[in-house]
Structure formats: C-alpha cells, structure tokens
Amino acid sequence: MNETDIRRHVFLSATFLSKQYKSVPSEILEGAIFFFGGKRSWLFPANREEMLEARSQPAKYLEFDEDYKSLIRHKESQKQVFWLLPEKNYRAGSDVIEALTDPVRKENYLPLILDEEWWRTEFVPEDAKYAKDATQIINNFKQGEFDYDAVMELLYQSNPTLVPTLYWAEG
C-alpha cells in the first residue's frame, strides 16, 4: 500500500457527504475526519428551538437519512468530527486533528496553522493547492467563517498528508 492509499480524507460538507457517503469506500469513511462548518444541532436538534433553527437552514439537515446520522454519531464516538458552529473556534478543530495519528507519518497530526504571521511571511502562494490569498485564509479562521477553499488550504498547509474533500469523485 503506498502513501496515497493511506492518507486520511477530511470531509468538509455534511450536506455534500449526505448525498455521497454510500459511494465512499468504507475504509475511507472509517479513517476520515468530518470537519463541518455547521452546527451539530442542525442534524440532531435537542429541543423545539433547535428544530426551528435547523428548518430555517438552506440545507435539509432534518431529512438526512438515519444511516448517515448513525455514521456521524459513530465518527463522533471515535472523536473524528468537528463542528465549527456555534463557537467558530478553529483551535477546537485543531485539537480534533492533533489527537489523531497520521497513518503516513505514524505521529499525531500537527496543529492547524492559526498564526497570522506565518500566513503573511512563510506561506508561498505559488505552492498553494486550494487558495492562494493569505488574507482570505486568515480572515476565514479569525472570523470563524467556512470558505471551503480557505479551509482546504489551511488543512493542507498544516498537514500535507491530509486530503481535504468536498466532493467524492473517486470510484
């Protein structure tokens, strides 16, 4: 098995994954990190207020199938899920990633690079894979936003062995 076969995928969209998860190989899903920009309560509302908020979202979270919701709960039990909202705290997302072992390096993943100075002085836009604008990436993590390209670049620059995944296109 080569390095590309064992790299860990990071799925970024609960909505996109809900439509694709059945086509993702089980070994990919088992090792994957779910790094979602939404709120857990949109899928699993605990009260009427959360139910109403979930219904007000453009995505139909409450209509996700039960197998998919079970998969998310399983991943949560494995400590492989991060929800950005409501805290908007990328440091907490870094904690989730740092607690996991990189199957390529055989060491825990490195922290997310949340240092503005690093992005301004050490980031090489020509080497970027997803987003070349350091200011966009900084603003994204500082403001707790979830621009997919900026999140993918943050993940990639922090841990190049991760595979940020928005759409499952393999198979």
N, C-alpha and C. Protein backbone atom coordinates (compact mmCIF):
# COMPACT_ATOMS: atom_id res chain seq x y z
N MET A 1 0.85 -1.18 0.00
CA MET A 1 0.00 0.00 0.00
C MET A 1 0.89 1.24 0.00
N ASN A 2 0.66 2.15 -0.93
CA ASN A 2 1.50 3.34 -0.97
C ASN A 2 0.89 4.48 -0.16
N GLU A 3 1.64 5.57 -0.04
CA GLU A 3 1.25 6.70 0.80
C GLU A 3 -0.12 7.25 0.44
N THR A 4 -0.42 7.36 -0.85
CA THR A 4 -1.70 7.93 -1.25
C THR A 4 -2.87 7.03 -0.87
N ASP A 5 -2.62 5.73 -0.68
CA ASP A 5 -3.68 4.81 -0.29
C ASP A 5 -4.07 4.96 1.17
N ILE A 6 -3.17 5.48 2.00
CA ILE A 6 -3.45 5.52 3.44
C ILE A 6 -3.69 6.93 3.98
N ARG A 7 -3.58 7.94 3.11
CA ARG A 7 -3.82 9.29 3.60
C ARG A 7 -5.27 9.42 4.06
N ARG A 8 -5.47 10.25 5.06
CA ARG A 8 -6.79 10.42 5.67
C ARG A 8 -7.55 11.54 4.98
N HIS A 9 -8.78 11.26 4.57
CA HIS A 9 -9.65 12.26 3.98
C HIS A 9 -10.31 13.10 5.07
N VAL A 10 -10.53 14.37 4.74
CA VAL A 10 -11.24 15.28 5.64
C VAL A 10 -12.44 15.80 4.84
N PHE A 11 -13.62 15.30 5.19
CA PHE A 11 -14.84 15.73 4.51
C PHE A 11 -15.34 17.03 5.13
N LEU A 12 -15.63 18.01 4.27
CA LEU A 12 -15.93 19.36 4.74
C LEU A 12 -17.40 19.74 4.73
N SER A 13 -18.22 19.00 4.06
CA SER A 13 -19.63 19.38 3.95
C SER A 13 -20.54 18.24 4.36
N ALA A 14 -21.30 18.45 5.44
CA ALA A 14 -22.26 17.44 5.87
C ALA A 14 -23.30 17.21 4.79
N THR A 15 -23.68 18.27 4.10
CA THR A 15 -24.70 18.16 3.06
C THR A 15 -24.20 17.37 1.86
N PHE A 16 -23.03 17.75 1.34
CA PHE A 16 -22.49 17.02 0.19
C PHE A 16 -22.24 15.56 0.54
N LEU A 17 -21.68 15.33 1.73
CA LEU A 17 -21.38 13.95 2.12
C LEU A 17 -22.66 13.13 2.28
N SER A 18 -23.75 13.76 2.74
CA SER A 18 -25.01 13.03 2.91
C SER A 18 -25.49 12.43 1.60
N LYS A 19 -25.13 13.07 0.49
CA LYS A 19 -25.56 12.60 -0.83
C LYS A 19 -24.57 11.62 -1.45
N GLN A 20 -23.37 11.51 -0.86
CA GLN A 20 -22.30 10.74 -1.47
C GLN A 20 -21.78 9.59 -0.61
N TYR A 21 -22.10 9.59 0.68
CA TYR A 21 -21.40 8.69 1.59
C TYR A 21 -21.51 7.21 1.20
N LYS A 22 -22.61 6.83 0.57
CA LYS A 22 -22.77 5.41 0.19
C LYS A 22 -21.80 4.99 -0.90
N SER A 23 -21.26 5.96 -1.64
CA SER A 23 -20.31 5.62 -2.70
C SER A 23 -18.85 5.72 -2.24
N VAL A 24 -18.65 6.17 -1.01
CA VAL A 24 -17.29 6.28 -0.47
C VAL A 24 -16.93 4.93 0.15
N PRO A 25 -15.78 4.37 -0.22
CA PRO A 25 -15.38 3.08 0.37
C PRO A 25 -15.37 3.13 1.90
N SER A 26 -15.80 2.06 2.51
CA SER A 26 -15.91 2.04 3.98
C SER A 26 -14.58 2.31 4.66
N GLU A 27 -13.46 1.84 4.07
CA GLU A 27 -12.16 2.09 4.71
C GLU A 27 -11.79 3.57 4.67
N ILE A 28 -12.26 4.30 3.66
CA ILE A 28 -12.04 5.75 3.60
C ILE A 28 -12.88 6.42 4.67
N LEU A 29 -14.16 6.06 4.75
CA LEU A 29 -15.05 6.66 5.75
C LEU A 29 -14.57 6.37 7.17
N GLU A 30 -14.13 5.16 7.40
CA GLU A 30 -13.71 4.78 8.76
C GLU A 30 -12.56 5.65 9.25
N GLY A 31 -11.61 5.95 8.38
CA GLY A 31 -10.47 6.75 8.78
C GLY A 31 -10.68 8.24 8.66
N ALA A 32 -11.72 8.64 7.98
CA ALA A 32 -11.92 10.06 7.65
C ALA A 32 -12.22 10.92 8.87
N ILE A 33 -11.92 12.19 8.70
CA ILE A 33 -12.30 13.22 9.66
C ILE A 33 -13.47 13.97 9.03
N PHE A 34 -14.48 14.25 9.81
CA PHE A 34 -15.58 15.09 9.36
C PHE A 34 -15.35 16.47 10.00
N PHE A 35 -15.05 17.44 9.17
CA PHE A 35 -14.69 18.79 9.62
C PHE A 35 -15.75 19.73 9.03
N PHE A 36 -16.86 19.88 9.77
CA PHE A 36 -18.04 20.53 9.23
C PHE A 36 -18.17 21.98 9.71
N GLY A 37 -18.67 22.82 8.82
CA GLY A 37 -18.84 24.24 9.12
C GLY A 37 -20.14 24.59 9.80
N GLY A 38 -21.00 23.62 10.01
CA GLY A 38 -22.30 23.89 10.59
C GLY A 38 -22.39 23.56 12.07
N LYS A 39 -23.62 23.42 12.53
CA LYS A 39 -23.91 23.09 13.93
C LYS A 39 -24.40 21.65 14.03
N ARG A 40 -23.96 20.99 15.06
CA ARG A 40 -24.44 19.63 15.31
C ARG A 40 -25.95 19.62 15.49
N SER A 41 -26.48 20.63 16.14
CA SER A 41 -27.92 20.67 16.44
C SER A 41 -28.78 20.77 15.18
N TRP A 42 -28.20 21.15 14.05
CA TRP A 42 -28.98 21.18 12.81
C TRP A 42 -29.33 19.77 12.37
N LEU A 43 -28.51 18.78 12.72
CA LEU A 43 -28.79 17.39 12.39
C LEU A 43 -29.47 16.66 13.55
N PHE A 44 -29.12 17.09 14.75
CA PHE A 44 -29.60 16.40 15.95
C PHE A 44 -30.20 17.42 16.93
N PRO A 45 -31.30 18.04 16.57
CA PRO A 45 -31.88 19.06 17.46
C PRO A 45 -32.36 18.43 18.76
N ALA A 46 -32.10 19.14 19.86
CA ALA A 46 -32.46 18.63 21.18
C ALA A 46 -33.76 19.24 21.70
N ASN A 47 -34.24 20.29 21.05
CA ASN A 47 -35.45 20.94 21.52
C ASN A 47 -36.13 21.66 20.36
N ARG A 48 -37.26 22.27 20.66
CA ARG A 48 -38.04 22.95 19.61
C ARG A 48 -37.27 24.10 18.97
N GLU A 49 -36.56 24.86 19.78
CA GLU A 49 -35.79 26.00 19.25
C GLU A 49 -34.74 25.52 18.23
N GLU A 50 -34.03 24.46 18.57
CA GLU A 50 -33.03 23.91 17.65
C GLU A 50 -33.69 23.32 16.41
N MET A 51 -34.85 22.71 16.57
CA MET A 51 -35.59 22.17 15.42
C MET A 51 -35.98 23.30 14.46
N LEU A 52 -36.47 24.39 14.99
CA LEU A 52 -36.85 25.53 14.15
C LEU A 52 -35.64 26.13 13.45
N GLU A 53 -34.51 26.22 14.17
CA GLU A 53 -33.30 26.74 13.55
C GLU A 53 -32.84 25.80 12.42
N ALA A 54 -32.89 24.51 12.66
CA ALA A 54 -32.48 23.54 11.63
C ALA A 54 -33.37 23.68 10.39
N ARG A 55 -34.66 23.86 10.61
CA ARG A 55 -35.59 24.00 9.48
C ARG A 55 -35.34 25.29 8.69
N SER A 56 -34.76 26.29 9.34
CA SER A 56 -34.53 27.58 8.67
C SER A 56 -33.27 27.57 7.79
N GLN A 57 -32.49 26.51 7.87
CA GLN A 57 -31.25 26.42 7.09
C GLN A 57 -31.57 26.06 5.64
N PRO A 58 -30.73 26.53 4.71
CA PRO A 58 -30.96 26.17 3.31
C PRO A 58 -30.86 24.66 3.05
N ALA A 59 -29.96 24.01 3.75
CA ALA A 59 -29.83 22.55 3.60
C ALA A 59 -30.93 21.88 4.42
N LYS A 60 -31.36 20.72 3.96
CA LYS A 60 -32.43 19.97 4.62
C LYS A 60 -31.83 18.96 5.59
N TYR A 61 -31.16 19.48 6.63
CA TYR A 61 -30.47 18.62 7.58
C TYR A 61 -31.38 17.57 8.22
N LEU A 62 -32.60 17.98 8.51
CA LEU A 62 -33.51 17.07 9.20
C LEU A 62 -33.97 15.92 8.31
N GLU A 63 -33.72 16.02 7.02
CA GLU A 63 -34.10 14.96 6.09
C GLU A 63 -32.95 14.00 5.78
N PHE A 64 -31.78 14.22 6.36
CA PHE A 64 -30.69 13.28 6.14
C PHE A 64 -31.11 11.90 6.64
N ASP A 65 -30.71 10.86 5.93
CA ASP A 65 -31.19 9.53 6.30
C ASP A 65 -30.53 9.04 7.59
N GLU A 66 -31.21 8.09 8.22
CA GLU A 66 -30.78 7.62 9.53
C GLU A 66 -29.43 6.90 9.48
N ASP A 67 -29.13 6.23 8.38
CA ASP A 67 -27.82 5.57 8.26
C ASP A 67 -26.70 6.60 8.29
N TYR A 68 -26.92 7.71 7.62
CA TYR A 68 -25.91 8.77 7.60
C TYR A 68 -25.76 9.39 8.98
N LYS A 69 -26.87 9.63 9.64
CA LYS A 69 -26.80 10.18 11.01
C LYS A 69 -26.09 9.21 11.95
N SER A 70 -26.34 7.92 11.75
CA SER A 70 -25.64 6.91 12.56
C SER A 70 -24.13 6.93 12.29
N LEU A 71 -23.77 7.13 11.02
CA LEU A 71 -22.36 7.24 10.68
C LEU A 71 -21.72 8.42 11.41
N ILE A 72 -22.39 9.55 11.42
CA ILE A 72 -21.85 10.73 12.11
C ILE A 72 -21.71 10.45 13.60
N ARG A 73 -22.71 9.83 14.20
CA ARG A 73 -22.61 9.50 15.63
C ARG A 73 -21.43 8.55 15.89
N HIS A 74 -21.26 7.58 14.99
CA HIS A 74 -20.12 6.66 15.12
C HIS A 74 -18.80 7.43 15.06
N LYS A 75 -18.70 8.34 14.08
CA LYS A 75 -17.47 9.14 13.95
C LYS A 75 -17.26 10.01 15.19
N GLU A 76 -18.34 10.53 15.74
CA GLU A 76 -18.22 11.31 16.98
C GLU A 76 -17.68 10.45 18.11
N SER A 77 -18.14 9.21 18.20
CA SER A 77 -17.64 8.31 19.25
C SER A 77 -16.15 8.02 19.07
N GLN A 78 -15.67 8.15 17.82
CA GLN A 78 -14.25 7.96 17.51
C GLN A 78 -13.45 9.26 17.63
N LYS A 79 -14.15 10.35 18.00
CA LYS A 79 -13.54 11.69 18.13
C LYS A 79 -12.94 12.16 16.80
N GLN A 80 -13.71 11.92 15.72
CA GLN A 80 -13.27 12.28 14.37
C GLN A 80 -14.23 13.28 13.71
N VAL A 81 -14.97 14.03 14.52
CA VAL A 81 -15.90 15.02 13.99
C VAL A 81 -15.66 16.36 14.67
N PHE A 82 -15.67 17.41 13.85
CA PHE A 82 -15.58 18.79 14.36
C PHE A 82 -16.72 19.58 13.76
N TRP A 83 -17.40 20.33 14.61
CA TRP A 83 -18.47 21.25 14.19
C TRP A 83 -17.97 22.67 14.48
N LEU A 84 -17.87 23.50 13.46
CA LEU A 84 -17.37 24.87 13.65
C LEU A 84 -18.33 25.72 14.47
N LEU A 85 -19.60 25.57 14.20
CA LEU A 85 -20.59 26.40 14.90
C LEU A 85 -21.14 25.65 16.11
N PRO A 86 -21.50 26.36 17.16
CA PRO A 86 -21.65 27.81 17.24
C PRO A 86 -20.40 28.56 17.68
N GLU A 87 -19.35 27.86 18.13
CA GLU A 87 -18.20 28.55 18.72
C GLU A 87 -17.33 29.31 17.73
N LYS A 88 -17.30 28.86 16.47
CA LYS A 88 -16.43 29.47 15.45
C LYS A 88 -14.97 29.43 15.87
N ASN A 89 -14.56 28.29 16.42
CA ASN A 89 -13.25 28.17 17.04
C ASN A 89 -12.39 27.13 16.30
N TYR A 90 -11.51 27.62 15.45
CA TYR A 90 -10.64 26.71 14.71
C TYR A 90 -9.62 26.03 15.62
N ARG A 91 -9.34 26.63 16.77
CA ARG A 91 -8.43 25.99 17.72
C ARG A 91 -9.02 24.65 18.17
N ALA A 92 -10.34 24.62 18.38
CA ALA A 92 -11.00 23.37 18.76
C ALA A 92 -10.91 22.36 17.61
N GLY A 93 -11.00 22.84 16.38
CA GLY A 93 -10.83 21.96 15.23
C GLY A 93 -9.43 21.39 15.17
N SER A 94 -8.47 22.22 15.50
CA SER A 94 -7.08 21.76 15.54
C SER A 94 -6.92 20.67 16.59
N ASP A 95 -7.57 20.83 17.73
CA ASP A 95 -7.48 19.82 18.79
C ASP A 95 -7.97 18.46 18.30
N VAL A 96 -9.06 18.45 17.53
CA VAL A 96 -9.59 17.19 16.98
C VAL A 96 -8.54 16.54 16.08
N ILE A 97 -7.95 17.33 15.21
CA ILE A 97 -6.97 16.80 14.27
C ILE A 97 -5.69 16.34 14.98
N GLU A 98 -5.21 17.15 15.91
CA GLU A 98 -3.97 16.83 16.62
C GLU A 98 -4.08 15.55 17.45
N ALA A 99 -5.27 15.17 17.85
CA ALA A 99 -5.47 13.98 18.67
C ALA A 99 -5.40 12.69 17.85
N LEU A 100 -5.38 12.83 16.52
CA LEU A 100 -5.37 11.66 15.64
C LEU A 100 -3.98 11.39 15.10
N THR A 101 -3.71 10.12 14.84
CA THR A 101 -2.43 9.71 14.28
C THR A 101 -2.48 9.75 12.76
N ASP A 102 -1.48 10.38 12.18
CA ASP A 102 -1.32 10.41 10.74
C ASP A 102 -0.80 9.04 10.31
N PRO A 103 -1.58 8.30 9.50
CA PRO A 103 -1.12 6.96 9.10
C PRO A 103 0.11 6.98 8.20
N VAL A 104 0.41 8.11 7.59
CA VAL A 104 1.60 8.21 6.74
C VAL A 104 2.84 8.44 7.60
N ARG A 105 2.78 9.42 8.49
CA ARG A 105 3.94 9.79 9.31
C ARG A 105 4.06 8.96 10.58
N LYS A 106 2.99 8.28 10.97
CA LYS A 106 2.97 7.46 12.19
C LYS A 106 3.16 8.32 13.45
N GLU A 107 2.78 9.57 13.37
CA GLU A 107 2.81 10.50 14.50
C GLU A 107 1.49 11.27 14.47
N ASN A 108 1.17 11.92 15.59
CA ASN A 108 -0.04 12.74 15.59
C ASN A 108 0.10 13.87 14.59
N TYR A 109 -1.05 14.28 14.06
CA TYR A 109 -1.06 15.41 13.13
C TYR A 109 -0.57 16.66 13.83
N LEU A 110 -0.02 17.56 13.05
CA LEU A 110 0.43 18.85 13.56
C LEU A 110 -0.76 19.78 13.75
N PRO A 111 -0.62 20.81 14.60
CA PRO A 111 -1.72 21.76 14.79
C PRO A 111 -2.02 22.51 13.50
N LEU A 112 -3.26 22.97 13.40
CA LEU A 112 -3.60 23.86 12.29
C LEU A 112 -2.79 25.13 12.42
N ILE A 113 -2.35 25.65 11.32
CA ILE A 113 -1.55 26.88 11.34
C ILE A 113 -2.51 28.07 11.47
N LEU A 114 -2.68 28.52 12.70
CA LEU A 114 -3.59 29.63 13.01
C LEU A 114 -2.82 30.89 13.37
N ASP A 115 -1.57 30.95 12.94
CA ASP A 115 -0.68 32.08 13.19
C ASP A 115 -0.72 33.02 11.98
N GLU A 116 -1.30 34.19 12.17
CA GLU A 116 -1.42 35.15 11.06
C GLU A 116 -0.06 35.48 10.44
N GLU A 117 0.94 35.63 11.28
CA GLU A 117 2.27 35.99 10.79
C GLU A 117 2.82 34.92 9.86
N TRP A 118 2.60 33.64 10.20
CA TRP A 118 3.06 32.57 9.33
C TRP A 118 2.44 32.72 7.94
N TRP A 119 1.15 32.98 7.89
CA TRP A 119 0.47 33.11 6.61
C TRP A 119 0.98 34.31 5.82
N ARG A 120 1.37 35.37 6.53
CA ARG A 120 1.85 36.58 5.85
C ARG A 120 3.29 36.45 5.37
N THR A 121 4.10 35.68 6.09
CA THR A 121 5.53 35.67 5.78
C THR A 121 6.06 34.34 5.25
N GLU A 122 5.47 33.22 5.61
CA GLU A 122 6.01 31.92 5.22
C GLU A 122 5.18 31.18 4.17
N PHE A 123 3.91 31.48 4.11
CA PHE A 123 3.04 30.86 3.12
C PHE A 123 3.49 31.27 1.72
N VAL A 124 3.63 30.28 0.84
CA VAL A 124 4.06 30.55 -0.54
C VAL A 124 2.85 30.33 -1.46
N PRO A 125 2.23 31.42 -1.90
CA PRO A 125 1.02 31.27 -2.73
C PRO A 125 1.22 30.38 -3.96
N GLU A 126 2.41 30.40 -4.52
CA GLU A 126 2.67 29.57 -5.70
C GLU A 126 2.60 28.08 -5.37
N ASP A 127 2.78 27.72 -4.10
CA ASP A 127 2.72 26.33 -3.68
C ASP A 127 1.33 25.94 -3.18
N ALA A 128 0.41 26.89 -3.21
CA ALA A 128 -0.94 26.63 -2.71
C ALA A 128 -1.64 25.61 -3.59
N LYS A 129 -2.51 24.85 -2.99
CA LYS A 129 -3.26 23.85 -3.72
C LYS A 129 -4.73 24.25 -3.89
N TYR A 130 -5.25 25.06 -2.95
CA TYR A 130 -6.67 25.38 -2.96
C TYR A 130 -6.96 26.88 -2.93
N ALA A 131 -6.16 27.64 -2.18
CA ALA A 131 -6.39 29.09 -2.05
C ALA A 131 -5.04 29.79 -1.96
N LYS A 132 -4.85 30.80 -2.77
CA LYS A 132 -3.55 31.49 -2.83
C LYS A 132 -3.51 32.78 -2.01
N ASP A 133 -4.65 33.26 -1.55
CA ASP A 133 -4.73 34.55 -0.86
C ASP A 133 -4.63 34.36 0.65
N ALA A 134 -3.48 34.69 1.21
CA ALA A 134 -3.25 34.53 2.65
C ALA A 134 -4.26 35.33 3.46
N THR A 135 -4.60 36.51 3.01
CA THR A 135 -5.56 37.34 3.75
C THR A 135 -6.92 36.64 3.83
N GLN A 136 -7.33 36.03 2.75
CA GLN A 136 -8.60 35.29 2.74
C GLN A 136 -8.56 34.16 3.78
N ILE A 137 -7.47 33.44 3.84
CA ILE A 137 -7.32 32.32 4.76
C ILE A 137 -7.31 32.82 6.20
N ILE A 138 -6.56 33.88 6.46
CA ILE A 138 -6.50 34.47 7.80
C ILE A 138 -7.88 34.94 8.24
N ASN A 139 -8.55 35.70 7.38
CA ASN A 139 -9.88 36.20 7.73
C ASN A 139 -10.85 35.06 7.98
N ASN A 140 -10.73 34.00 7.22
CA ASN A 140 -11.61 32.85 7.38
C ASN A 140 -11.49 32.27 8.79
N PHE A 141 -10.26 31.98 9.24
CA PHE A 141 -10.13 31.35 10.56
C PHE A 141 -10.30 32.36 11.69
N LYS A 142 -9.93 33.60 11.48
CA LYS A 142 -10.12 34.61 12.54
C LYS A 142 -11.59 34.91 12.79
N GLN A 143 -12.37 34.98 11.72
CA GLN A 143 -13.78 35.33 11.85
C GLN A 143 -14.67 34.11 12.05
N GLY A 144 -14.08 32.93 12.01
CA GLY A 144 -14.87 31.72 12.18
C GLY A 144 -15.77 31.43 11.00
N GLU A 145 -15.32 31.83 9.83
CA GLU A 145 -16.07 31.56 8.60
C GLU A 145 -15.68 30.18 8.09
N PHE A 146 -16.34 29.73 7.01
CA PHE A 146 -16.06 28.40 6.49
C PHE A 146 -16.06 28.42 4.97
N ASP A 147 -15.16 29.24 4.41
CA ASP A 147 -14.96 29.25 2.97
C ASP A 147 -14.20 27.97 2.62
N TYR A 148 -14.79 27.13 1.79
CA TYR A 148 -14.21 25.82 1.53
C TYR A 148 -12.76 25.89 1.06
N ASP A 149 -12.46 26.75 0.10
CA ASP A 149 -11.09 26.83 -0.41
C ASP A 149 -10.10 27.21 0.69
N ALA A 150 -10.48 28.18 1.51
CA ALA A 150 -9.59 28.62 2.60
C ALA A 150 -9.40 27.51 3.63
N VAL A 151 -10.47 26.80 3.97
CA VAL A 151 -10.36 25.69 4.93
C VAL A 151 -9.48 24.58 4.37
N MET A 152 -9.67 24.26 3.09
CA MET A 152 -8.86 23.21 2.48
C MET A 152 -7.38 23.59 2.48
N GLU A 153 -7.08 24.86 2.20
CA GLU A 153 -5.68 25.28 2.20
C GLU A 153 -5.11 25.26 3.62
N LEU A 154 -5.89 25.67 4.59
CA LEU A 154 -5.46 25.61 5.99
C LEU A 154 -5.13 24.17 6.38
N LEU A 155 -6.00 23.25 6.05
CA LEU A 155 -5.75 21.84 6.37
C LEU A 155 -4.52 21.32 5.64
N TYR A 156 -4.42 21.63 4.36
CA TYR A 156 -3.30 21.14 3.54
C TYR A 156 -1.96 21.70 4.00
N GLN A 157 -1.89 23.00 4.23
CA GLN A 157 -0.62 23.59 4.66
C GLN A 157 -0.21 23.09 6.03
N SER A 158 -1.18 22.84 6.89
CA SER A 158 -0.88 22.38 8.25
C SER A 158 -0.42 20.92 8.26
N ASN A 159 -1.04 20.11 7.42
CA ASN A 159 -0.74 18.68 7.36
C ASN A 159 -0.91 18.20 5.92
N PRO A 160 0.16 18.26 5.13
CA PRO A 160 0.05 17.92 3.71
C PRO A 160 -0.40 16.49 3.41
N THR A 161 -0.37 15.61 4.40
CA THR A 161 -0.83 14.25 4.14
C THR A 161 -2.36 14.12 4.26
N LEU A 162 -3.03 15.15 4.78
CA LEU A 162 -4.49 15.13 4.80
C LEU A 162 -5.02 15.37 3.39
N VAL A 163 -6.20 14.83 3.11
CA VAL A 163 -6.83 15.02 1.81
C VAL A 163 -8.16 15.76 2.03
N PRO A 164 -8.15 17.10 1.97
CA PRO A 164 -9.41 17.83 2.10
C PRO A 164 -10.36 17.43 0.97
N THR A 165 -11.59 17.07 1.32
CA THR A 165 -12.51 16.51 0.35
C THR A 165 -13.87 17.20 0.46
N LEU A 166 -14.26 17.83 -0.61
CA LEU A 166 -15.57 18.46 -0.66
C LEU A 166 -16.56 17.55 -1.38
N TYR A 167 -16.17 17.06 -2.55
CA TYR A 167 -16.99 16.15 -3.34
C TYR A 167 -16.25 14.84 -3.51
N TRP A 168 -16.93 13.74 -3.29
CA TRP A 168 -16.31 12.45 -3.53
C TRP A 168 -16.35 12.18 -5.02
N ALA A 169 -15.19 12.12 -5.65
CA ALA A 169 -15.12 11.98 -7.10
C ALA A 169 -14.41 10.71 -7.53
N GLU A 170 -13.99 9.91 -6.54
CA GLU A 170 -13.27 8.69 -6.89
C GLU A 170 -14.25 7.54 -7.04
N GLY A 171 -13.75 6.45 -7.52
CA GLY A 171 -14.59 5.27 -7.51
C GLY A 171 -14.81 4.74 -8.85
